[in-house]
Amino acid sequence: MSLLPFFHEGICEAGCDEAGRGCLAGSVYAAAVILPPDFECTVLNDSKQLTERQRYALRPIIEQNAVAWAVGVVSAKEIDEINILNASILAMHRAIDALKVVPEHLIIDGNRFKPYKNIPYNTIIKGDGKYLSIAAASVLAKTYRDDYMNALHEEFPMYGWNQNKGYPTKQHRNAIEKYGVSHYHRMSYRLINDQLKFDF
């Protein structure tokens, strides 16, 4: 099934998505993308349906062809302070803030969002598999977050972040048990299975 270009045709519409909600460590990233009406890309899809190579090949295509695009970031410390749902929405707001073109409408992946200024919006469950601009946002959010986690891996190689990207794999949880936590870990999350017996 090919993705749809717009939710509302004829207006400037930005698609938004995030990456890293379920991770035990690192910031959550979000992207906002405004695509031109004539944008076509048969490969573009929900970033989870693409290979790493496809995502990185698509990133420059999206960036070069978009009317505007931007990425927003919320740190692990902020996540612990405001919770991951609020942090994910804040990351989207920061991405929209950074757009060089003000959109007239927003389409958001998922079912939760908070109003951004006075711009109307629609939330769309699995929107990254339905609309091109949300799929484009998912690719940017995912690849920029992966770059960030790869950089953090250089600082803390014991957690395997170059492979697990901070997600709760068995390897990641075992490393937390063995080495303790870093300042990039989300302390409000269940970091290991037997956390009640583990004193951080």
N, C-alpha and C. Protein backbone atom coordinates (compact mmCIF):
# COMPACT_ATOMS: atom_id res chain seq x y z
N MET A 1 0.84 -1.19 0.00
CA MET A 1 0.00 0.00 0.00
C MET A 1 0.88 1.25 0.00
N SER A 2 0.66 2.15 -0.93
CA SER A 2 1.45 3.37 -0.98
C SER A 2 0.95 4.36 0.07
N LEU A 3 1.88 5.15 0.59
CA LEU A 3 1.54 6.11 1.63
C LEU A 3 0.85 7.33 1.02
N LEU A 4 0.00 7.96 1.81
CA LEU A 4 -0.74 9.12 1.35
C LEU A 4 0.10 10.39 1.52
N PRO A 5 -0.02 11.34 0.59
CA PRO A 5 0.79 12.56 0.69
C PRO A 5 0.32 13.51 1.78
N PHE A 6 -1.00 13.62 1.99
CA PHE A 6 -1.52 14.60 2.94
C PHE A 6 -2.76 14.09 3.64
N PHE A 7 -2.98 14.59 4.84
CA PHE A 7 -4.25 14.41 5.54
C PHE A 7 -5.23 15.47 5.04
N HIS A 8 -4.73 16.72 4.95
CA HIS A 8 -5.50 17.82 4.36
C HIS A 8 -4.74 18.35 3.16
N GLU A 9 -5.31 18.24 1.99
CA GLU A 9 -4.63 18.74 0.80
C GLU A 9 -4.74 20.26 0.70
N GLY A 10 -3.76 20.85 0.04
CA GLY A 10 -3.82 22.27 -0.27
C GLY A 10 -3.37 23.20 0.83
N ILE A 11 -2.89 22.64 1.95
CA ILE A 11 -2.33 23.49 3.00
C ILE A 11 -0.95 22.97 3.39
N CYS A 12 -0.22 23.79 4.12
CA CYS A 12 1.13 23.43 4.56
C CYS A 12 1.01 22.54 5.80
N GLU A 13 1.35 21.27 5.62
CA GLU A 13 1.12 20.27 6.67
C GLU A 13 2.43 19.63 7.10
N ALA A 14 2.66 19.53 8.39
CA ALA A 14 3.86 18.89 8.92
C ALA A 14 3.50 17.56 9.56
N GLY A 15 4.27 16.54 9.26
CA GLY A 15 4.15 15.25 9.92
C GLY A 15 5.16 15.16 11.05
N CYS A 16 4.78 14.54 12.17
CA CYS A 16 5.65 14.44 13.34
C CYS A 16 5.70 13.01 13.86
N ASP A 17 6.88 12.61 14.30
CA ASP A 17 7.04 11.31 14.92
C ASP A 17 8.23 11.36 15.86
N GLU A 18 8.31 10.36 16.76
CA GLU A 18 9.41 10.32 17.72
C GLU A 18 10.13 8.98 17.65
N ALA A 19 11.29 8.93 18.30
CA ALA A 19 12.06 7.69 18.40
C ALA A 19 12.69 7.62 19.78
N GLY A 20 12.64 6.44 20.36
CA GLY A 20 13.33 6.21 21.63
C GLY A 20 12.47 6.23 22.87
N ARG A 21 11.16 6.12 22.71
CA ARG A 21 10.28 6.14 23.89
C ARG A 21 10.57 4.97 24.83
N GLY A 22 10.79 3.80 24.26
CA GLY A 22 10.93 2.60 25.09
C GLY A 22 12.34 2.31 25.56
N CYS A 23 13.26 3.22 25.33
CA CYS A 23 14.66 2.98 25.69
C CYS A 23 14.91 3.20 27.18
N LEU A 24 15.90 2.50 27.71
CA LEU A 24 16.29 2.66 29.10
C LEU A 24 17.27 3.80 29.28
N ALA A 25 17.87 4.25 28.19
CA ALA A 25 18.91 5.28 28.28
C ALA A 25 18.82 6.22 27.09
N GLY A 26 19.34 7.42 27.32
CA GLY A 26 19.43 8.40 26.24
C GLY A 26 18.20 9.27 26.10
N SER A 27 18.36 10.29 25.28
CA SER A 27 17.29 11.25 25.01
C SER A 27 16.23 10.63 24.11
N VAL A 28 15.05 11.21 24.12
CA VAL A 28 14.03 10.89 23.12
C VAL A 28 14.13 11.94 22.03
N TYR A 29 14.03 11.50 20.79
CA TYR A 29 14.15 12.39 19.63
C TYR A 29 12.81 12.45 18.91
N ALA A 30 12.53 13.59 18.30
CA ALA A 30 11.34 13.71 17.45
C ALA A 30 11.73 14.54 16.23
N ALA A 31 10.97 14.37 15.16
CA ALA A 31 11.20 15.16 13.96
C ALA A 31 9.87 15.67 13.43
N ALA A 32 9.94 16.80 12.75
CA ALA A 32 8.80 17.37 12.05
C ALA A 32 9.23 17.62 10.62
N VAL A 33 8.40 17.22 9.67
CA VAL A 33 8.76 17.33 8.24
C VAL A 33 7.58 17.88 7.45
N ILE A 34 7.85 18.88 6.64
CA ILE A 34 6.88 19.40 5.67
C ILE A 34 7.38 19.01 4.28
N LEU A 35 6.60 18.20 3.59
CA LEU A 35 6.99 17.76 2.24
C LEU A 35 6.24 18.57 1.18
N PRO A 36 6.84 18.73 0.01
CA PRO A 36 6.16 19.43 -1.07
C PRO A 36 5.04 18.58 -1.66
N PRO A 37 4.06 19.19 -2.31
CA PRO A 37 2.92 18.43 -2.86
C PRO A 37 3.32 17.36 -3.87
N ASP A 38 4.42 17.60 -4.58
CA ASP A 38 4.82 16.66 -5.63
C ASP A 38 5.84 15.62 -5.16
N PHE A 39 6.05 15.51 -3.85
CA PHE A 39 7.06 14.58 -3.35
C PHE A 39 6.63 13.13 -3.61
N GLU A 40 7.54 12.36 -4.16
CA GLU A 40 7.30 10.94 -4.40
C GLU A 40 8.51 10.14 -3.97
N CYS A 41 8.27 9.06 -3.27
CA CYS A 41 9.36 8.16 -2.87
C CYS A 41 8.74 6.81 -2.51
N THR A 42 8.85 5.86 -3.40
CA THR A 42 8.18 4.57 -3.21
C THR A 42 8.80 3.75 -2.08
N VAL A 43 10.06 4.03 -1.72
CA VAL A 43 10.73 3.26 -0.68
C VAL A 43 10.33 3.74 0.71
N LEU A 44 9.99 5.01 0.83
CA LEU A 44 9.72 5.60 2.14
C LEU A 44 8.56 4.89 2.84
N ASN A 45 8.81 4.55 4.10
CA ASN A 45 7.81 3.85 4.91
C ASN A 45 8.14 4.11 6.37
N ASP A 46 7.29 3.60 7.25
CA ASP A 46 7.57 3.60 8.68
C ASP A 46 9.00 3.11 8.88
N SER A 47 9.80 3.86 9.65
CA SER A 47 11.22 3.54 9.80
C SER A 47 11.44 2.13 10.34
N LYS A 48 10.49 1.61 11.12
CA LYS A 48 10.63 0.26 11.68
C LYS A 48 10.52 -0.80 10.59
N GLN A 49 9.95 -0.45 9.44
CA GLN A 49 9.81 -1.39 8.33
C GLN A 49 11.01 -1.34 7.37
N LEU A 50 11.94 -0.45 7.65
CA LEU A 50 13.09 -0.24 6.76
C LEU A 50 14.36 -0.80 7.41
N THR A 51 15.33 -1.14 6.59
CA THR A 51 16.63 -1.53 7.12
C THR A 51 17.41 -0.26 7.50
N GLU A 52 18.45 -0.46 8.29
CA GLU A 52 19.29 0.68 8.67
C GLU A 52 19.86 1.36 7.43
N ARG A 53 20.29 0.57 6.47
CA ARG A 53 20.85 1.15 5.25
C ARG A 53 19.80 1.97 4.50
N GLN A 54 18.57 1.47 4.43
CA GLN A 54 17.50 2.22 3.76
C GLN A 54 17.21 3.54 4.47
N ARG A 55 17.18 3.49 5.80
CA ARG A 55 16.89 4.72 6.56
C ARG A 55 17.94 5.79 6.29
N TYR A 56 19.20 5.39 6.32
CA TYR A 56 20.27 6.37 6.11
C TYR A 56 20.35 6.84 4.66
N ALA A 57 19.92 6.01 3.73
CA ALA A 57 19.86 6.44 2.33
C ALA A 57 18.72 7.42 2.11
N LEU A 58 17.63 7.23 2.87
CA LEU A 58 16.47 8.12 2.72
C LEU A 58 16.69 9.48 3.38
N ARG A 59 17.50 9.55 4.41
CA ARG A 59 17.64 10.81 5.16
C ARG A 59 18.03 11.99 4.28
N PRO A 60 19.08 11.89 3.46
CA PRO A 60 19.41 13.05 2.61
C PRO A 60 18.34 13.35 1.57
N ILE A 61 17.64 12.33 1.11
CA ILE A 61 16.55 12.56 0.14
C ILE A 61 15.45 13.40 0.80
N ILE A 62 15.10 13.02 2.02
CA ILE A 62 14.08 13.78 2.75
C ILE A 62 14.54 15.20 3.00
N GLU A 63 15.76 15.34 3.50
CA GLU A 63 16.26 16.67 3.87
C GLU A 63 16.39 17.59 2.66
N GLN A 64 16.81 17.04 1.52
CA GLN A 64 17.01 17.87 0.34
C GLN A 64 15.70 18.25 -0.34
N ASN A 65 14.67 17.42 -0.18
CA ASN A 65 13.41 17.67 -0.87
C ASN A 65 12.33 18.31 -0.01
N ALA A 66 12.49 18.25 1.30
CA ALA A 66 11.47 18.79 2.19
C ALA A 66 11.37 20.31 2.06
N VAL A 67 10.18 20.82 2.24
CA VAL A 67 9.98 22.27 2.34
C VAL A 67 10.68 22.76 3.61
N ALA A 68 10.56 21.98 4.67
CA ALA A 68 11.25 22.26 5.93
C ALA A 68 11.29 20.99 6.75
N TRP A 69 12.34 20.87 7.59
CA TRP A 69 12.43 19.74 8.49
C TRP A 69 13.23 20.17 9.72
N ALA A 70 13.00 19.50 10.83
CA ALA A 70 13.74 19.81 12.05
C ALA A 70 13.63 18.64 13.02
N VAL A 71 14.57 18.62 13.94
CA VAL A 71 14.62 17.57 14.96
C VAL A 71 14.58 18.22 16.34
N GLY A 72 13.82 17.61 17.25
CA GLY A 72 13.76 18.08 18.63
C GLY A 72 14.21 16.98 19.58
N VAL A 73 14.82 17.37 20.69
CA VAL A 73 15.42 16.42 21.62
C VAL A 73 15.00 16.76 23.05
N VAL A 74 14.71 15.72 23.84
CA VAL A 74 14.45 15.88 25.27
C VAL A 74 15.35 14.87 26.01
N SER A 75 16.10 15.35 26.96
CA SER A 75 17.12 14.55 27.63
C SER A 75 16.53 13.52 28.59
N ALA A 76 17.37 12.57 28.98
CA ALA A 76 16.95 11.56 29.95
C ALA A 76 16.56 12.21 31.28
N LYS A 77 17.28 13.23 31.69
CA LYS A 77 16.96 13.94 32.94
C LYS A 77 15.56 14.56 32.86
N GLU A 78 15.27 15.18 31.72
CA GLU A 78 13.94 15.77 31.53
C GLU A 78 12.86 14.69 31.50
N ILE A 79 13.17 13.55 30.88
CA ILE A 79 12.22 12.44 30.84
C ILE A 79 11.86 12.01 32.26
N ASP A 80 12.88 11.89 33.11
CA ASP A 80 12.63 11.50 34.49
C ASP A 80 11.78 12.53 35.23
N GLU A 81 11.91 13.78 34.86
CA GLU A 81 11.19 14.85 35.54
C GLU A 81 9.73 14.95 35.09
N ILE A 82 9.46 14.72 33.80
CA ILE A 82 8.11 14.99 33.28
C ILE A 82 7.40 13.76 32.72
N ASN A 83 8.04 12.63 32.69
CA ASN A 83 7.61 11.32 32.17
C ASN A 83 7.74 11.26 30.65
N ILE A 84 7.78 10.05 30.15
CA ILE A 84 8.13 9.85 28.73
C ILE A 84 7.04 10.33 27.78
N LEU A 85 5.78 10.22 28.16
CA LEU A 85 4.73 10.73 27.27
C LEU A 85 4.87 12.24 27.08
N ASN A 86 4.99 12.96 28.19
CA ASN A 86 5.16 14.41 28.09
C ASN A 86 6.46 14.77 27.37
N ALA A 87 7.51 13.98 27.61
CA ALA A 87 8.79 14.24 26.96
C ALA A 87 8.71 14.03 25.45
N SER A 88 8.00 12.99 25.03
CA SER A 88 7.85 12.73 23.60
C SER A 88 7.10 13.87 22.92
N ILE A 89 6.05 14.36 23.57
CA ILE A 89 5.29 15.48 23.02
C ILE A 89 6.14 16.75 23.01
N LEU A 90 6.91 16.96 24.08
CA LEU A 90 7.79 18.13 24.14
C LEU A 90 8.84 18.08 23.02
N ALA A 91 9.38 16.89 22.75
CA ALA A 91 10.36 16.75 21.66
C ALA A 91 9.72 17.12 20.33
N MET A 92 8.46 16.72 20.11
CA MET A 92 7.76 17.12 18.89
C MET A 92 7.57 18.63 18.84
N HIS A 93 7.17 19.22 19.95
CA HIS A 93 7.00 20.67 20.00
C HIS A 93 8.32 21.39 19.67
N ARG A 94 9.41 20.86 20.21
CA ARG A 94 10.72 21.48 19.92
C ARG A 94 11.09 21.34 18.45
N ALA A 95 10.73 20.20 17.85
CA ALA A 95 10.99 20.04 16.42
C ALA A 95 10.16 21.04 15.61
N ILE A 96 8.89 21.19 15.97
CA ILE A 96 8.02 22.14 15.25
C ILE A 96 8.54 23.56 15.44
N ASP A 97 8.99 23.87 16.67
CA ASP A 97 9.59 25.18 16.96
C ASP A 97 10.71 25.52 15.98
N ALA A 98 11.50 24.49 15.64
CA ALA A 98 12.70 24.70 14.84
C ALA A 98 12.45 24.73 13.33
N LEU A 99 11.22 24.43 12.90
CA LEU A 99 10.92 24.48 11.47
C LEU A 99 11.08 25.91 10.94
N LYS A 100 11.63 26.03 9.76
CA LYS A 100 11.82 27.36 9.16
C LYS A 100 10.57 27.84 8.43
N VAL A 101 9.59 26.96 8.31
CA VAL A 101 8.29 27.31 7.74
C VAL A 101 7.23 26.92 8.77
N VAL A 102 6.30 27.81 9.06
CA VAL A 102 5.26 27.53 10.05
C VAL A 102 4.14 26.73 9.38
N PRO A 103 3.88 25.52 9.85
CA PRO A 103 2.82 24.71 9.23
C PRO A 103 1.43 25.22 9.60
N GLU A 104 0.49 24.89 8.72
CA GLU A 104 -0.91 25.26 8.97
C GLU A 104 -1.68 24.11 9.62
N HIS A 105 -1.10 22.93 9.57
CA HIS A 105 -1.75 21.75 10.15
C HIS A 105 -0.67 20.75 10.52
N LEU A 106 -0.93 19.95 11.57
CA LEU A 106 0.01 18.94 12.04
C LEU A 106 -0.65 17.57 12.01
N ILE A 107 0.10 16.57 11.57
CA ILE A 107 -0.36 15.19 11.73
C ILE A 107 0.68 14.46 12.57
N ILE A 108 0.19 13.82 13.62
CA ILE A 108 1.04 13.26 14.67
C ILE A 108 0.89 11.75 14.70
N ASP A 109 2.02 11.04 14.72
CA ASP A 109 1.95 9.59 14.86
C ASP A 109 1.51 9.24 16.28
N GLY A 110 0.55 8.33 16.40
CA GLY A 110 0.09 7.91 17.71
C GLY A 110 -1.27 8.49 18.05
N ASN A 111 -1.63 8.41 19.32
CA ASN A 111 -2.96 8.87 19.73
C ASN A 111 -2.93 9.94 20.82
N ARG A 112 -1.73 10.46 21.14
CA ARG A 112 -1.64 11.46 22.19
C ARG A 112 -0.80 12.64 21.72
N PHE A 113 -1.29 13.83 22.01
CA PHE A 113 -0.56 15.05 21.67
C PHE A 113 -1.15 16.17 22.50
N LYS A 114 -0.40 17.24 22.65
CA LYS A 114 -0.90 18.45 23.30
C LYS A 114 -0.87 19.57 22.28
N PRO A 115 -1.85 20.45 22.29
CA PRO A 115 -1.91 21.52 21.29
C PRO A 115 -0.59 22.29 21.21
N TYR A 116 -0.19 22.58 19.99
CA TYR A 116 0.99 23.41 19.76
C TYR A 116 0.51 24.76 19.25
N LYS A 117 0.65 25.77 20.10
CA LYS A 117 0.18 27.11 19.76
C LYS A 117 -1.26 27.02 19.28
N ASN A 118 -1.56 27.60 18.16
CA ASN A 118 -2.96 27.54 17.68
C ASN A 118 -3.07 26.73 16.39
N ILE A 119 -2.11 25.84 16.16
CA ILE A 119 -2.12 25.06 14.91
C ILE A 119 -2.99 23.81 15.10
N PRO A 120 -3.99 23.62 14.25
CA PRO A 120 -4.83 22.41 14.37
C PRO A 120 -4.02 21.15 14.07
N TYR A 121 -4.45 20.04 14.67
CA TYR A 121 -3.70 18.80 14.48
C TYR A 121 -4.64 17.60 14.50
N ASN A 122 -4.13 16.50 13.95
CA ASN A 122 -4.79 15.21 14.05
C ASN A 122 -3.78 14.17 14.50
N THR A 123 -4.17 13.32 15.44
CA THR A 123 -3.33 12.19 15.82
C THR A 123 -3.77 10.98 15.01
N ILE A 124 -2.81 10.20 14.56
CA ILE A 124 -3.10 9.07 13.67
C ILE A 124 -2.34 7.85 14.15
N ILE A 125 -3.06 6.85 14.62
CA ILE A 125 -2.43 5.61 15.07
C ILE A 125 -1.76 4.92 13.88
N LYS A 126 -0.51 4.55 14.07
CA LYS A 126 0.32 3.96 13.01
C LYS A 126 0.40 4.88 11.79
N GLY A 127 0.42 6.17 12.06
CA GLY A 127 0.49 7.17 10.99
C GLY A 127 1.76 7.11 10.17
N ASP A 128 2.84 6.56 10.79
CA ASP A 128 4.10 6.46 10.05
C ASP A 128 4.03 5.42 8.94
N GLY A 129 2.99 4.60 8.94
CA GLY A 129 2.78 3.66 7.85
C GLY A 129 1.65 4.08 6.93
N LYS A 130 1.16 5.33 7.12
CA LYS A 130 0.01 5.80 6.33
C LYS A 130 0.31 7.10 5.57
N TYR A 131 1.13 7.97 6.15
CA TYR A 131 1.37 9.30 5.54
C TYR A 131 2.86 9.53 5.33
N LEU A 132 3.18 10.07 4.17
CA LEU A 132 4.58 10.27 3.80
C LEU A 132 5.32 11.18 4.77
N SER A 133 4.69 12.27 5.20
CA SER A 133 5.41 13.22 6.05
C SER A 133 5.70 12.63 7.44
N ILE A 134 4.78 11.80 7.94
CA ILE A 134 5.05 11.15 9.24
C ILE A 134 6.14 10.10 9.06
N ALA A 135 6.09 9.34 7.97
CA ALA A 135 7.14 8.35 7.70
C ALA A 135 8.50 9.04 7.58
N ALA A 136 8.53 10.19 6.90
CA ALA A 136 9.78 10.95 6.77
C ALA A 136 10.27 11.40 8.14
N ALA A 137 9.35 11.86 8.99
CA ALA A 137 9.73 12.27 10.34
C ALA A 137 10.26 11.08 11.13
N SER A 138 9.65 9.91 10.94
CA SER A 138 10.12 8.72 11.67
C SER A 138 11.54 8.35 11.26
N VAL A 139 11.87 8.50 9.99
CA VAL A 139 13.22 8.20 9.50
C VAL A 139 14.23 9.17 10.10
N LEU A 140 13.90 10.46 10.10
CA LEU A 140 14.84 11.45 10.65
C LEU A 140 15.02 11.25 12.16
N ALA A 141 13.92 11.08 12.88
CA ALA A 141 14.03 10.89 14.33
C ALA A 141 14.87 9.66 14.66
N LYS A 142 14.62 8.58 13.95
CA LYS A 142 15.34 7.32 14.22
C LYS A 142 16.82 7.44 13.87
N THR A 143 17.15 7.98 12.72
CA THR A 143 18.56 8.02 12.32
C THR A 143 19.36 9.01 13.16
N TYR A 144 18.78 10.15 13.50
CA TYR A 144 19.51 11.10 14.34
C TYR A 144 19.68 10.56 15.76
N ARG A 145 18.68 9.84 16.24
CA ARG A 145 18.84 9.24 17.57
C ARG A 145 19.88 8.12 17.53
N ASP A 146 19.88 7.33 16.47
CA ASP A 146 20.89 6.27 16.35
C ASP A 146 22.30 6.87 16.32
N ASP A 147 22.48 7.97 15.60
CA ASP A 147 23.79 8.64 15.58
C ASP A 147 24.21 9.03 17.00
N TYR A 148 23.25 9.57 17.74
CA TYR A 148 23.50 10.01 19.12
C TYR A 148 23.88 8.83 20.01
N MET A 149 23.15 7.72 19.90
CA MET A 149 23.46 6.56 20.73
C MET A 149 24.79 5.92 20.33
N ASN A 150 25.12 5.97 19.05
CA ASN A 150 26.44 5.48 18.63
C ASN A 150 27.56 6.32 19.24
N ALA A 151 27.33 7.63 19.36
CA ALA A 151 28.33 8.51 19.98
C ALA A 151 28.44 8.22 21.48
N LEU A 152 27.31 7.98 22.13
CA LEU A 152 27.34 7.65 23.56
C LEU A 152 28.05 6.32 23.80
N HIS A 153 27.94 5.42 22.84
CA HIS A 153 28.62 4.12 22.96
C HIS A 153 30.12 4.30 23.10
N GLU A 154 30.67 5.31 22.45
CA GLU A 154 32.12 5.55 22.54
C GLU A 154 32.50 5.90 23.98
N GLU A 155 31.59 6.54 24.70
CA GLU A 155 31.84 6.93 26.09
C GLU A 155 31.58 5.77 27.05
N PHE A 156 30.55 4.96 26.76
CA PHE A 156 30.17 3.85 27.63
C PHE A 156 29.99 2.58 26.80
N PRO A 157 31.08 1.99 26.33
CA PRO A 157 30.95 0.83 25.42
C PRO A 157 30.38 -0.42 26.09
N MET A 158 30.42 -0.48 27.42
CA MET A 158 29.99 -1.71 28.09
C MET A 158 28.50 -2.01 27.93
N TYR A 159 27.70 -1.00 27.58
CA TYR A 159 26.25 -1.21 27.47
C TYR A 159 25.81 -1.66 26.07
N GLY A 160 26.71 -1.62 25.11
CA GLY A 160 26.35 -2.08 23.76
C GLY A 160 25.37 -1.18 23.03
N TRP A 161 25.43 0.13 23.31
CA TRP A 161 24.46 1.05 22.71
C TRP A 161 24.59 1.19 21.20
N ASN A 162 25.75 0.80 20.66
CA ASN A 162 25.88 0.83 19.20
C ASN A 162 25.00 -0.23 18.55
N GLN A 163 24.61 -1.24 19.33
CA GLN A 163 23.73 -2.29 18.82
C GLN A 163 22.29 -2.16 19.33
N ASN A 164 22.15 -2.00 20.65
CA ASN A 164 20.77 -1.98 21.19
C ASN A 164 20.15 -0.59 21.23
N LYS A 165 20.96 0.45 21.00
CA LYS A 165 20.48 1.86 20.95
C LYS A 165 19.75 2.28 22.23
N GLY A 166 20.03 1.58 23.32
CA GLY A 166 19.43 1.94 24.60
C GLY A 166 18.17 1.17 24.93
N TYR A 167 17.72 0.32 24.02
CA TYR A 167 16.51 -0.46 24.28
C TYR A 167 16.79 -1.56 25.31
N PRO A 168 15.74 -2.08 25.97
CA PRO A 168 15.93 -3.03 27.07
C PRO A 168 16.21 -4.45 26.62
N THR A 169 17.32 -4.66 25.96
CA THR A 169 17.73 -6.02 25.59
C THR A 169 18.31 -6.72 26.82
N LYS A 170 18.41 -8.02 26.72
CA LYS A 170 19.01 -8.79 27.82
C LYS A 170 20.44 -8.34 28.06
N GLN A 171 21.18 -8.10 26.96
CA GLN A 171 22.57 -7.63 27.06
C GLN A 171 22.64 -6.31 27.82
N HIS A 172 21.72 -5.39 27.51
CA HIS A 172 21.74 -4.07 28.15
C HIS A 172 21.42 -4.21 29.65
N ARG A 173 20.40 -4.98 29.98
CA ARG A 173 20.05 -5.15 31.39
C ARG A 173 21.18 -5.84 32.17
N ASN A 174 21.81 -6.84 31.55
CA ASN A 174 22.93 -7.52 32.22
C ASN A 174 24.08 -6.57 32.48
N ALA A 175 24.32 -5.66 31.54
CA ALA A 175 25.41 -4.69 31.71
C ALA A 175 25.10 -3.71 32.84
N ILE A 176 23.82 -3.34 32.97
CA ILE A 176 23.44 -2.45 34.07
C ILE A 176 23.66 -3.16 35.42
N GLU A 177 23.31 -4.44 35.48
CA GLU A 177 23.54 -5.20 36.72
C GLU A 177 25.02 -5.28 37.05
N LYS A 178 25.83 -5.44 36.02
CA LYS A 178 27.27 -5.63 36.23
C LYS A 178 28.00 -4.33 36.52
N TYR A 179 27.66 -3.27 35.76
CA TYR A 179 28.44 -2.02 35.84
C TYR A 179 27.70 -0.88 36.54
N GLY A 180 26.40 -1.08 36.85
CA GLY A 180 25.62 0.03 37.38
C GLY A 180 25.11 0.91 36.26
N VAL A 181 24.61 2.09 36.62
CA VAL A 181 24.01 2.98 35.63
C VAL A 181 24.96 4.10 35.25
N SER A 182 24.71 4.69 34.10
CA SER A 182 25.40 5.90 33.67
C SER A 182 24.47 7.09 33.88
N HIS A 183 25.00 8.29 33.68
CA HIS A 183 24.15 9.48 33.82
C HIS A 183 23.22 9.65 32.62
N TYR A 184 23.32 8.75 31.64
CA TYR A 184 22.39 8.79 30.51
C TYR A 184 21.18 7.88 30.73
N HIS A 185 21.20 7.07 31.76
CA HIS A 185 20.08 6.16 32.00
C HIS A 185 18.88 6.92 32.56
N ARG A 186 17.69 6.40 32.24
CA ARG A 186 16.44 6.99 32.70
C ARG A 186 16.08 6.34 34.03
N MET A 187 16.30 7.07 35.11
CA MET A 187 16.15 6.48 36.45
C MET A 187 14.70 6.21 36.83
N SER A 188 13.77 6.78 36.08
CA SER A 188 12.35 6.52 36.35
C SER A 188 11.87 5.23 35.69
N TYR A 189 12.74 4.58 34.92
CA TYR A 189 12.39 3.34 34.24
C TYR A 189 12.80 2.13 35.09
N ARG A 190 12.19 1.00 34.78
CA ARG A 190 12.62 -0.27 35.39
C ARG A 190 13.85 -0.73 34.61
N LEU A 191 15.01 -0.49 35.18
CA LEU A 191 16.26 -0.71 34.44
C LEU A 191 16.70 -2.17 34.43
N ILE A 192 16.41 -2.89 35.49
CA ILE A 192 16.69 -4.32 35.51
C ILE A 192 15.46 -5.04 36.04
N ASN A 193 15.39 -6.33 35.79
CA ASN A 193 14.19 -7.08 36.16
C ASN A 193 13.98 -7.15 37.67
N ASP A 194 15.09 -7.23 38.42
CA ASP A 194 14.99 -7.37 39.86
C ASP A 194 15.36 -6.06 40.55
N GLN A 195 14.78 -4.98 40.05
CA GLN A 195 15.23 -3.65 40.47
C GLN A 195 15.02 -3.39 41.97
N LEU A 196 14.02 -4.00 42.57
CA LEU A 196 13.74 -3.74 43.98
C LEU A 196 14.92 -4.17 44.88
N LYS A 197 15.70 -5.12 44.39
CA LYS A 197 16.84 -5.60 45.19
C LYS A 197 18.15 -4.96 44.76
N PHE A 198 18.07 -4.01 43.87
CA PHE A 198 19.30 -3.44 43.30
C PHE A 198 19.41 -1.99 43.73
N ASP A 199 20.44 -1.65 44.44
CA ASP A 199 20.61 -0.28 44.95
C ASP A 199 21.51 0.53 44.02
N PHE A 200 20.88 1.50 43.30
CA PHE A 200 21.67 2.34 42.41
C PHE A 200 22.36 3.44 43.22
